């Protein structure tokens, strides 16, 4: 049996997003908040191995801590 430990984060509207820590390549704060590209609630971008990213309202420090567990 194979078990995957997923990390629970919150998306832009507060919805629950589950992320596989093994697929995360980069965690960073969003740039260009004043350009209107990101919503005001977005605190962190989580980049994935497949080239996609997830925007979350969790602060990046909290995301990093959850990924390290």
PDB file of N, CA and C in Angstrom:
ATOM      1  N   UNK A   1       0.843  -1.170   0.000  1.00  0.00           N
ATOM      2  CA  UNK A   1       0.000   0.000   0.000  1.00  0.00           C
ATOM      3  C   UNK A   1       0.893   1.239   0.000  1.00  0.00           C
ATOM      4  N   UNK A   2       0.495   2.247  -0.751  1.00  0.00           N
ATOM      5  CA  UNK A   2       1.243   3.488  -0.856  1.00  0.00           C
ATOM      6  C   UNK A   2       0.429   4.616  -0.231  1.00  0.00           C
ATOM      7  N   UNK A   3       1.063   5.379   0.613  1.00  0.00           N
ATOM      8  CA  UNK A   3       0.383   6.508   1.245  1.00  0.00           C
ATOM      9  C   UNK A   3       1.072   7.808   0.849  1.00  0.00           C
ATOM     10  N   UNK A   4       0.290   8.816   0.552  1.00  0.00           N
ATOM     11  CA  UNK A   4       0.806  10.139   0.211  1.00  0.00           C
ATOM     12  C   UNK A   4       0.273  11.123   1.239  1.00  0.00           C
ATOM     13  N   UNK A   5       1.180  11.848   1.862  1.00  0.00           N
ATOM     14  CA  UNK A   5       0.781  12.855   2.843  1.00  0.00           C
ATOM     15  C   UNK A   5       0.580  14.181   2.119  1.00  0.00           C
ATOM     16  N   UNK A   6      -0.655  14.642   2.050  1.00  0.00           N
ATOM     17  CA  UNK A   6      -0.967  15.889   1.376  1.00  0.00           C
ATOM     18  C   UNK A   6      -1.018  17.031   2.384  1.00  0.00           C
ATOM     19  N   UNK A   7      -0.678  18.215   1.908  1.00  0.00           N
ATOM     20  CA  UNK A   7      -0.708  19.425   2.731  1.00  0.00           C
ATOM     21  C   UNK A   7      -1.968  20.205   2.379  1.00  0.00           C
ATOM     22  N   UNK A   8      -2.673  20.665   3.391  1.00  0.00           N
ATOM     23  CA  UNK A   8      -3.904  21.439   3.177  1.00  0.00           C
ATOM     24  C   UNK A   8      -3.600  22.930   3.191  1.00  0.00           C
ATOM     25  N   UNK A   9      -3.955  23.616   2.105  1.00  0.00           N
ATOM     26  CA  UNK A   9      -3.805  25.062   1.977  1.00  0.00           C
ATOM     27  C   UNK A   9      -5.168  25.658   1.624  1.00  0.00           C
ATOM     28  N   UNK A  10      -5.238  26.990   1.612  1.00  0.00           N
ATOM     29  CA  UNK A  10      -6.493  27.653   1.273  1.00  0.00           C
ATOM     30  C   UNK A  10      -6.311  28.479   0.002  1.00  0.00           C
ATOM     31  N   UNK A  11      -7.202  28.243  -0.957  1.00  0.00           N
ATOM     32  CA  UNK A  11      -7.175  28.971  -2.215  1.00  0.00           C
ATOM     33  C   UNK A  11      -7.714  30.380  -2.053  1.00  0.00           C
ATOM     34  N   UNK A  12      -7.764  31.141  -3.147  1.00  0.00           N
ATOM     35  CA  UNK A  12      -8.158  32.555  -3.103  1.00  0.00           C
ATOM     36  C   UNK A  12      -9.526  32.828  -2.476  1.00  0.00           C
ATOM     37  N   UNK A  13     -10.467  31.940  -2.646  1.00  0.00           N
ATOM     38  CA  UNK A  13     -11.801  32.137  -2.072  1.00  0.00           C
ATOM     39  C   UNK A  13     -11.996  31.354  -0.784  1.00  0.00           C
ATOM     40  N   UNK A  14     -10.878  30.888  -0.192  1.00  0.00           N
ATOM     41  CA  UNK A  14     -10.945  30.134   1.046  1.00  0.00           C
ATOM     42  C   UNK A  14     -11.197  28.649   0.856  1.00  0.00           C
ATOM     43  N   UNK A  15     -11.305  28.205  -0.407  1.00  0.00           N
ATOM     44  CA  UNK A  15     -11.526  26.778  -0.650  1.00  0.00           C
ATOM     45  C   UNK A  15     -10.277  25.985  -0.263  1.00  0.00           C
ATOM     46  N   UNK A  16     -10.490  24.755   0.136  1.00  0.00           N
ATOM     47  CA  UNK A  16      -9.385  23.885   0.542  1.00  0.00           C
ATOM     48  C   UNK A  16      -8.685  23.341  -0.700  1.00  0.00           C
ATOM     49  N   UNK A  17      -7.346  23.416  -0.669  1.00  0.00           N
ATOM     50  CA  UNK A  17      -6.511  22.899  -1.756  1.00  0.00           C
ATOM     51  C   UNK A  17      -5.528  21.922  -1.125  1.00  0.00           C
ATOM     52  N   UNK A  18      -5.476  20.704  -1.632  1.00  0.00           N
ATOM     53  CA  UNK A  18      -4.527  19.709  -1.136  1.00  0.00           C
ATOM     54  C   UNK A  18      -3.356  19.623  -2.101  1.00  0.00           C
ATOM     55  N   UNK A  19      -2.135  19.682  -1.549  1.00  0.00           N
ATOM     56  CA  UNK A  19      -0.920  19.695  -2.355  1.00  0.00           C
ATOM     57  C   UNK A  19      -0.002  18.563  -1.908  1.00  0.00           C
ATOM     58  N   UNK A  20       0.568  17.857  -2.881  1.00  0.00           N
ATOM     59  CA  UNK A  20       1.569  16.833  -2.608  1.00  0.00           C
ATOM     60  C   UNK A  20       2.924  17.531  -2.459  1.00  0.00           C
ATOM     61  N   UNK A  21       3.534  17.532  -1.281  1.00  0.00           N
ATOM     62  CA  UNK A  21       4.809  18.229  -1.071  1.00  0.00           C
ATOM     63  C   UNK A  21       5.914  17.788  -2.042  1.00  0.00           C
ATOM     64  N   UNK A  22       5.878  16.554  -2.492  1.00  0.00           N
ATOM     65  CA  UNK A  22       6.902  16.052  -3.420  1.00  0.00           C
ATOM     66  C   UNK A  22       6.812  16.739  -4.775  1.00  0.00           C
ATOM     67  N   UNK A  23       5.669  17.340  -5.100  1.00  0.00           N
ATOM     68  CA  UNK A  23       5.473  18.006  -6.389  1.00  0.00           C
ATOM     69  C   UNK A  23       5.781  19.502  -6.347  1.00  0.00           C
ATOM     70  N   UNK A  24       6.054  20.050  -5.164  1.00  0.00           N
ATOM     71  CA  UNK A  24       6.313  21.481  -5.025  1.00  0.00           C
ATOM     72  C   UNK A  24       7.775  21.769  -5.346  1.00  0.00           C
ATOM     73  N   UNK A  25       8.002  22.726  -6.260  1.00  0.00           N
ATOM     74  CA  UNK A  25       9.369  23.093  -6.631  1.00  0.00           C
ATOM     75  C   UNK A  25       9.800  24.415  -6.014  1.00  0.00           C
ATOM     76  N   UNK A  26       8.870  25.365  -5.892  1.00  0.00           N
ATOM     77  CA  UNK A  26       9.191  26.690  -5.377  1.00  0.00           C
ATOM     78  C   UNK A  26       7.994  27.266  -4.633  1.00  0.00           C
ATOM     79  N   UNK A  27       8.294  28.014  -3.587  1.00  0.00           N
ATOM     80  CA  UNK A  27       7.277  28.757  -2.849  1.00  0.00           C
ATOM     81  C   UNK A  27       7.770  30.194  -2.788  1.00  0.00           C
ATOM     82  N   UNK A  28       6.948  31.144  -3.261  1.00  0.00           N
ATOM     83  CA  UNK A  28       7.380  32.542  -3.226  1.00  0.00           C
ATOM     84  C   UNK A  28       6.192  33.480  -3.086  1.00  0.00           C
ATOM     85  N   UNK A  29       6.511  34.686  -2.618  1.00  0.00           N
ATOM     86  CA  UNK A  29       5.481  35.714  -2.517  1.00  0.00           C
ATOM     87  C   UNK A  29       5.186  36.244  -3.914  1.00  0.00           C
ATOM     88  N   UNK A  30       3.940  36.629  -4.171  1.00  0.00           N
ATOM     89  CA  UNK A  30       3.596  37.142  -5.496  1.00  0.00           C
ATOM     90  C   UNK A  30       4.221  38.508  -5.738  1.00  0.00           C
ATOM     91  N   UNK A  31       4.623  38.733  -6.980  1.00  0.00           N
ATOM     92  CA  UNK A  31       5.147  40.042  -7.387  1.00  0.00           C
ATOM     93  C   UNK A  31       4.083  40.715  -8.242  1.00  0.00           C
ATOM     94  N   UNK A  32       4.110  42.004  -8.297  1.00  0.00           N
ATOM     95  CA  UNK A  32       3.170  42.725  -9.135  1.00  0.00           C
ATOM     96  C   UNK A  32       1.770  42.816  -8.562  1.00  0.00           C
ATOM     97  N   UNK A  33       1.675  42.896  -7.243  1.00  0.00           N
ATOM     98  CA  UNK A  33       0.347  42.980  -6.616  1.00  0.00           C
ATOM     99  C   UNK A  33      -0.407  44.236  -7.062  1.00  0.00           C
ATOM    100  N   UNK A  34       0.318  45.297  -7.349  1.00  0.00           N
ATOM    101  CA  UNK A  34      -0.324  46.555  -7.735  1.00  0.00           C
ATOM    102  C   UNK A  34      -0.794  46.559  -9.191  1.00  0.00           C
ATOM    103  N   UNK A  35      -0.436  45.543  -9.967  1.00  0.00           N
ATOM    104  CA  UNK A  35      -0.819  45.514 -11.378  1.00  0.00           C
ATOM    105  C   UNK A  35      -2.199  44.910 -11.579  1.00  0.00           C
ATOM    106  N   UNK A  36      -2.773  44.337 -10.538  1.00  0.00           N
ATOM    107  CA  UNK A  36      -4.091  43.720 -10.651  1.00  0.00           C
ATOM    108  C   UNK A  36      -4.039  42.287 -11.154  1.00  0.00           C
ATOM    109  N   UNK A  37      -2.828  41.778 -11.375  1.00  0.00           N
ATOM    110  CA  UNK A  37      -2.692  40.402 -11.872  1.00  0.00           C
ATOM    111  C   UNK A  37      -3.121  39.384 -10.825  1.00  0.00           C
ATOM    112  N   UNK A  38      -2.768  39.640  -9.572  1.00  0.00           N
ATOM    113  CA  UNK A  38      -3.130  38.740  -8.474  1.00  0.00           C
ATOM    114  C   UNK A  38      -4.223  39.390  -7.648  1.00  0.00           C
ATOM    115  N   UNK A  39      -5.080  38.596  -7.091  1.00  0.00           N
ATOM    116  CA  UNK A  39      -6.097  39.117  -6.187  1.00  0.00           C
ATOM    117  C   UNK A  39      -5.461  39.651  -4.914  1.00  0.00           C
ATOM    118  N   UNK A  40      -6.130  40.553  -4.246  1.00  0.00           N
ATOM    119  CA  UNK A  40      -5.575  41.183  -3.049  1.00  0.00           C
ATOM    120  C   UNK A  40      -5.330  40.180  -1.922  1.00  0.00           C
ATOM    121  N   UNK A  41      -6.084  39.091  -1.891  1.00  0.00           N
ATOM    122  CA  UNK A  41      -5.952  38.107  -0.810  1.00  0.00           C
ATOM    123  C   UNK A  41      -4.772  37.151  -1.009  1.00  0.00           C
ATOM    124  N   UNK A  42      -4.206  37.099  -2.200  1.00  0.00           N
ATOM    125  CA  UNK A  42      -3.132  36.146  -2.502  1.00  0.00           C
ATOM    126  C   UNK A  42      -1.872  36.513  -1.726  1.00  0.00           C
ATOM    127  N   UNK A  43      -1.379  35.558  -0.943  1.00  0.00           N
ATOM    128  CA  UNK A  43      -0.181  35.766  -0.129  1.00  0.00           C
ATOM    129  C   UNK A  43       1.011  34.950  -0.607  1.00  0.00           C
ATOM    130  N   UNK A  44       0.741  33.880  -1.381  1.00  0.00           N
ATOM    131  CA  UNK A  44       1.831  32.979  -1.749  1.00  0.00           C
ATOM    132  C   UNK A  44       1.519  32.253  -3.057  1.00  0.00           C
ATOM    133  N   UNK A  45       2.575  32.014  -3.848  1.00  0.00           N
ATOM    134  CA  UNK A  45       2.480  31.204  -5.056  1.00  0.00           C
ATOM    135  C   UNK A  45       3.230  29.906  -4.814  1.00  0.00           C
ATOM    136  N   UNK A  46       2.596  28.805  -5.108  1.00  0.00           N
ATOM    137  CA  UNK A  46       3.206  27.486  -4.938  1.00  0.00           C
ATOM    138  C   UNK A  46       3.403  26.904  -6.339  1.00  0.00           C
ATOM    139  N   UNK A  47       4.670  26.795  -6.763  1.00  0.00           N
ATOM    140  CA  UNK A  47       5.006  26.272  -8.087  1.00  0.00           C
ATOM    141  C   UNK A  47       5.124  24.756  -8.015  1.00  0.00           C
ATOM    142  N   UNK A  48       4.590  24.073  -9.030  1.00  0.00           N
ATOM    143  CA  UNK A  48       4.573  22.613  -9.059  1.00  0.00           C
ATOM    144  C   UNK A  48       5.495  22.068 -10.140  1.00  0.00           C
ATOM    145  N   UNK A  49       5.863  20.816 -10.017  1.00  0.00           N
ATOM    146  CA  UNK A  49       6.802  20.167 -10.936  1.00  0.00           C
ATOM    147  C   UNK A  49       6.293  20.126 -12.371  1.00  0.00           C
ATOM    148  N   UNK A  50       4.975  20.156 -12.572  1.00  0.00           N
ATOM    149  CA  UNK A  50       4.431  20.102 -13.929  1.00  0.00           C
ATOM    150  C   UNK A  50       4.366  21.480 -14.593  1.00  0.00           C
ATOM    151  N   UNK A  51       4.907  22.525 -13.929  1.00  0.00           N
ATOM    152  CA  UNK A  51       4.929  23.863 -14.487  1.00  0.00           C
ATOM    153  C   UNK A  51       3.733  24.712 -14.108  1.00  0.00           C
ATOM    154  N   UNK A  52       2.758  24.132 -13.448  1.00  0.00           N
ATOM    155  CA  UNK A  52       1.585  24.885 -13.008  1.00  0.00           C
ATOM    156  C   UNK A  52       1.864  25.513 -11.652  1.00  0.00           C
ATOM    157  N   UNK A  53       1.008  26.432 -11.249  1.00  0.00           N
ATOM    158  CA  UNK A  53       1.154  27.032  -9.928  1.00  0.00           C
ATOM    159  C   UNK A  53      -0.210  27.176  -9.277  1.00  0.00           C
ATOM    160  N   UNK A  54      -0.185  27.280  -7.955  1.00  0.00           N
ATOM    161  CA  UNK A  54      -1.388  27.447  -7.158  1.00  0.00           C
ATOM    162  C   UNK A  54      -1.226  28.738  -6.367  1.00  0.00           C
ATOM    163  N   UNK A  55      -2.245  29.580  -6.381  1.00  0.00           N
ATOM    164  CA  UNK A  55      -2.237  30.787  -5.562  1.00  0.00           C
ATOM    165  C   UNK A  55      -3.014  30.486  -4.284  1.00  0.00           C
ATOM    166  N   UNK A  56      -2.432  30.884  -3.160  1.00  0.00           N
ATOM    167  CA  UNK A  56      -3.073  30.609  -1.872  1.00  0.00           C
ATOM    168  C   UNK A  56      -3.068  31.854  -0.992  1.00  0.00           C
ATOM    169  N   UNK A  57      -3.969  31.854  -0.025  1.00  0.00           N
ATOM    170  CA  UNK A  57      -4.055  32.975   0.906  1.00  0.00           C
ATOM    171  C   UNK A  57      -3.207  32.744   2.157  1.00  0.00           C
ATOM    172  N   UNK A  58      -2.587  31.586   2.250  1.00  0.00           N
ATOM    173  CA  UNK A  58      -1.678  31.298   3.368  1.00  0.00           C
ATOM    174  C   UNK A  58      -0.379  32.079   3.153  1.00  0.00           C
ATOM    175  N   UNK A  59       0.191  32.663   4.201  1.00  0.00           N
ATOM    176  CA  UNK A  59       1.506  33.296   4.071  1.00  0.00           C
ATOM    177  C   UNK A  59       2.566  32.255   3.693  1.00  0.00           C
ATOM    178  N   UNK A  60       3.559  32.659   2.921  1.00  0.00           N
ATOM    179  CA  UNK A  60       4.576  31.719   2.443  1.00  0.00           C
ATOM    180  C   UNK A  60       5.327  31.028   3.581  1.00  0.00           C
ATOM    181  N   UNK A  61       5.570  31.733   4.675  1.00  0.00           N
ATOM    182  CA  UNK A  61       6.246  31.098   5.821  1.00  0.00           C
ATOM    183  C   UNK A  61       5.430  29.925   6.353  1.00  0.00           C
ATOM    184  N   UNK A  62       4.116  30.094   6.423  1.00  0.00           N
ATOM    185  CA  UNK A  62       3.248  29.005   6.885  1.00  0.00           C
ATOM    186  C   UNK A  62       3.246  27.852   5.886  1.00  0.00           C
ATOM    187  N   UNK A  63       3.236  28.164   4.598  1.00  0.00           N
ATOM    188  CA  UNK A  63       3.264  27.115   3.566  1.00  0.00           C
ATOM    189  C   UNK A  63       4.553  26.321   3.690  1.00  0.00           C
ATOM    190  N   UNK A  64       5.679  26.990   3.829  1.00  0.00           N
ATOM    191  CA  UNK A  64       6.971  26.296   3.964  1.00  0.00           C
ATOM    192  C   UNK A  64       6.983  25.365   5.179  1.00  0.00           C
ATOM    193  N   UNK A  65       6.459  25.837   6.293  1.00  0.00           N
ATOM    194  CA  UNK A  65       6.402  25.018   7.514  1.00  0.00           C
ATOM    195  C   UNK A  65       5.560  23.762   7.294  1.00  0.00           C
ATOM    196  N   UNK A  66       4.420  23.929   6.645  1.00  0.00           N
ATOM    197  CA  UNK A  66       3.561  22.767   6.381  1.00  0.00           C
ATOM    198  C   UNK A  66       4.237  21.770   5.435  1.00  0.00           C
ATOM    199  N   UNK A  67       4.977  22.273   4.472  1.00  0.00           N
ATOM    200  CA  UNK A  67       5.662  21.391   3.514  1.00  0.00           C
ATOM    201  C   UNK A  67       6.815  20.629   4.154  1.00  0.00           C
ATOM    202  N   UNK A  68       7.419  21.180   5.195  1.00  0.00           N
ATOM    203  CA  UNK A  68       8.569  20.547   5.859  1.00  0.00           C
ATOM    204  C   UNK A  68       8.153  19.392   6.764  1.00  0.00           C
ATOM    205  N   UNK A  69       6.915  19.321   7.175  1.00  0.00           N
ATOM    206  CA  UNK A  69       6.455  18.284   8.113  1.00  0.00           C
ATOM    207  C   UNK A  69       6.516  16.923   7.515  1.00  0.00           C
TER     208      UNK A  69
END
